[in-house]
Amino acid sequence: SKKIWNWRKGKSVIHTGSFTQFLPQNNVYVYFRYNESETVMVILNNARQEQTLDPKRFSELIKNKNYGVEVMSGSKIDFDKEIKISAKTAYILELE
């Protein structure tokens, strides 16, 4: 979509940031792009049903951030509880 394209174009962290990926679990793939000032978490649920993720699994990259803001919807995803992601859905989260 145009919103994602414009957001992505202006984010140097997406183009030049470090990259860390995690082994997929239950058809859910998670990776991070990060630099000194920004961290972006991408969650891709390729399963045919909703999946739940424990944010603690990603604590080395989430660090002291409390939540992520989903780029498309603007909704906050709280890292103090499990993350639910609908079937065949992608989340792009800016960590804050």
C-alpha atoms as a PDB file:
ATOM      1  CA  SER A   1       0.000   0.000   0.000  1.00  0.00           C
ATOM      2  CA  LYS A   2       1.036   3.608  -0.463  1.00  0.00           C
ATOM      3  CA  LYS A   3       1.164   4.233   3.306  1.00  0.00           C
ATOM      4  CA  ILE A   4       3.709   1.436   3.825  1.00  0.00           C
ATOM      5  CA  TRP A   5       5.710   2.510   0.777  1.00  0.00           C
ATOM      6  CA  ASN A   6       6.021   6.099   2.037  1.00  0.00           C
ATOM      7  CA  TRP A   7       6.818   4.965   5.581  1.00  0.00           C
ATOM      8  CA  ARG A   8       9.464   2.525   4.348  1.00  0.00           C
ATOM      9  CA  LYS A   9      11.074   5.109   2.038  1.00  0.00           C
ATOM     10  CA  GLY A  10      11.711   7.459   4.960  1.00  0.00           C
ATOM     11  CA  LYS A  11      13.093   4.845   7.364  1.00  0.00           C
ATOM     12  CA  SER A  12      16.861   4.455   7.155  1.00  0.00           C
ATOM     13  CA  VAL A  13      16.668   1.639   9.733  1.00  0.00           C
ATOM     14  CA  ILE A  14      14.864  -0.482   7.101  1.00  0.00           C
ATOM     15  CA  HIS A  15      17.569   0.082   4.488  1.00  0.00           C
ATOM     16  CA  THR A  16      20.784   0.183   6.514  1.00  0.00           C
ATOM     17  CA  GLY A  17      19.930  -1.197   9.969  1.00  0.00           C
ATOM     18  CA  SER A  18      21.202  -4.465  11.356  1.00  0.00           C
ATOM     19  CA  PHE A  19      19.084  -7.554  10.698  1.00  0.00           C
ATOM     20  CA  THR A  20      18.196 -10.389  13.065  1.00  0.00           C
ATOM     21  CA  GLN A  21      15.723 -13.150  12.289  1.00  0.00           C
ATOM     22  CA  PHE A  22      14.260 -15.875  14.474  1.00  0.00           C
ATOM     23  CA  LEU A  23      13.479 -19.433  13.466  1.00  0.00           C
ATOM     24  CA  PRO A  24       9.833 -19.675  12.392  1.00  0.00           C
ATOM     25  CA  GLN A  25       7.428 -21.322  14.829  1.00  0.00           C
ATOM     26  CA  ASN A  26       3.913 -22.461  13.867  1.00  0.00           C
ATOM     27  CA  ASN A  27       4.319 -20.804  10.475  1.00  0.00           C
ATOM     28  CA  VAL A  28       5.114 -17.417  12.072  1.00  0.00           C
ATOM     29  CA  TYR A  29       8.290 -15.634  10.980  1.00  0.00           C
ATOM     30  CA  VAL A  30       9.742 -12.764  13.036  1.00  0.00           C
ATOM     31  CA  TYR A  31      12.630 -10.493  12.214  1.00  0.00           C
ATOM     32  CA  PHE A  32      14.033  -7.169  13.407  1.00  0.00           C
ATOM     33  CA  ARG A  33      15.777  -4.255  11.727  1.00  0.00           C
ATOM     34  CA  TYR A  34      17.537  -1.923  14.142  1.00  0.00           C
ATOM     35  CA  ASN A  35      20.164   0.758  14.591  1.00  0.00           C
ATOM     36  CA  GLU A  36      21.296   2.960  17.501  1.00  0.00           C
ATOM     37  CA  SER A  37      18.063   4.946  17.565  1.00  0.00           C
ATOM     38  CA  GLU A  38      15.271   2.763  16.110  1.00  0.00           C
ATOM     39  CA  THR A  39      14.013  -0.811  16.178  1.00  0.00           C
ATOM     40  CA  VAL A  40      11.402  -2.291  13.836  1.00  0.00           C
ATOM     41  CA  MET A  41       9.869  -5.724  14.469  1.00  0.00           C
ATOM     42  CA  VAL A  42       8.143  -7.572  11.615  1.00  0.00           C
ATOM     43  CA  ILE A  43       5.794 -10.474  12.370  1.00  0.00           C
ATOM     44  CA  LEU A  44       4.488 -12.564   9.467  1.00  0.00           C
ATOM     45  CA  ASN A  45       1.783 -15.105  10.278  1.00  0.00           C
ATOM     46  CA  ASN A  46       1.526 -17.438   7.303  1.00  0.00           C
ATOM     47  CA  ALA A  47      -0.714 -19.897   9.185  1.00  0.00           C
ATOM     48  CA  ARG A  48      -4.400 -20.375   8.464  1.00  0.00           C
ATOM     49  CA  GLN A  49      -5.303 -19.569  12.069  1.00  0.00           C
ATOM     50  CA  GLU A  50      -4.539 -16.911  14.663  1.00  0.00           C
ATOM     51  CA  GLN A  51      -1.214 -17.415  16.428  1.00  0.00           C
ATOM     52  CA  THR A  52       0.068 -16.250  19.798  1.00  0.00           C
ATOM     53  CA  LEU A  53       3.661 -15.157  20.455  1.00  0.00           C
ATOM     54  CA  ASP A  54       5.443 -14.701  23.758  1.00  0.00           C
ATOM     55  CA  PRO A  55       7.375 -11.402  23.539  1.00  0.00           C
ATOM     56  CA  LYS A  56       9.933 -12.770  26.022  1.00  0.00           C
ATOM     57  CA  ARG A  57      11.295 -14.920  23.191  1.00  0.00           C
ATOM     58  CA  PHE A  58      12.493 -11.699  21.536  1.00  0.00           C
ATOM     59  CA  SER A  59      13.697  -9.905  24.685  1.00  0.00           C
ATOM     60  CA  GLU A  60      17.275  -9.498  23.426  1.00  0.00           C
ATOM     61  CA  LEU A  61      15.956  -7.117  20.739  1.00  0.00           C
ATOM     62  CA  ILE A  62      12.857  -5.717  22.452  1.00  0.00           C
ATOM     63  CA  LYS A  63      15.099  -4.827  25.427  1.00  0.00           C
ATOM     64  CA  ASN A  64      13.424  -2.179  27.598  1.00  0.00           C
ATOM     65  CA  LYS A  65      10.698  -1.225  25.095  1.00  0.00           C
ATOM     66  CA  ASN A  66       7.147  -1.517  26.438  1.00  0.00           C
ATOM     67  CA  TYR A  67       5.199  -1.757  23.204  1.00  0.00           C
ATOM     68  CA  GLY A  68       5.278  -1.562  19.434  1.00  0.00           C
ATOM     69  CA  VAL A  69       3.104   0.670  17.270  1.00  0.00           C
ATOM     70  CA  GLU A  70       1.720  -1.151  14.223  1.00  0.00           C
ATOM     71  CA  VAL A  71       2.575   1.020  11.216  1.00  0.00           C
ATOM     72  CA  MET A  72      -0.610   0.464   9.183  1.00  0.00           C
ATOM     73  CA  SER A  73      -3.240   0.723  11.917  1.00  0.00           C
ATOM     74  CA  GLY A  74      -1.454   2.807  14.559  1.00  0.00           C
ATOM     75  CA  SER A  75      -2.542   0.326  17.239  1.00  0.00           C
ATOM     76  CA  LYS A  76      -0.265  -0.408  20.199  1.00  0.00           C
ATOM     77  CA  ILE A  77       0.943  -3.954  20.791  1.00  0.00           C
ATOM     78  CA  ASP A  78       1.835  -4.351  24.476  1.00  0.00           C
ATOM     79  CA  PHE A  79       4.944  -6.439  25.201  1.00  0.00           C
ATOM     80  CA  ASP A  80       3.769  -7.227  28.749  1.00  0.00           C
ATOM     81  CA  LYS A  81       1.344  -9.817  27.383  1.00  0.00           C
ATOM     82  CA  GLU A  82       1.204 -12.345  24.575  1.00  0.00           C
ATOM     83  CA  ILE A  83       0.942 -11.000  21.043  1.00  0.00           C
ATOM     84  CA  LYS A  84      -2.022 -12.310  19.051  1.00  0.00           C
ATOM     85  CA  ILE A  85      -1.754 -12.123  15.281  1.00  0.00           C
ATOM     86  CA  SER A  86      -4.568 -13.057  12.921  1.00  0.00           C
ATOM     87  CA  ALA A  87      -4.189 -15.708  10.233  1.00  0.00           C
ATOM     88  CA  LYS A  88      -2.327 -14.660   7.072  1.00  0.00           C
ATOM     89  CA  THR A  89      -1.431 -11.278   8.587  1.00  0.00           C
ATOM     90  CA  ALA A  90       1.710  -9.163   8.838  1.00  0.00           C
ATOM     91  CA  TYR A  91       2.547  -6.661  11.578  1.00  0.00           C
ATOM     92  CA  ILE A  92       5.244  -4.028  11.200  1.00  0.00           C
ATOM     93  CA  LEU A  93       5.930  -2.597  14.655  1.00  0.00           C
ATOM     94  CA  GLU A  94       7.982   0.448  15.568  1.00  0.00           C
ATOM     95  CA  LEU A  95       9.250  -0.243  19.079  1.00  0.00           C
ATOM     96  CA  GLU A  96       8.742   2.490  21.663  1.00  0.00           C
END
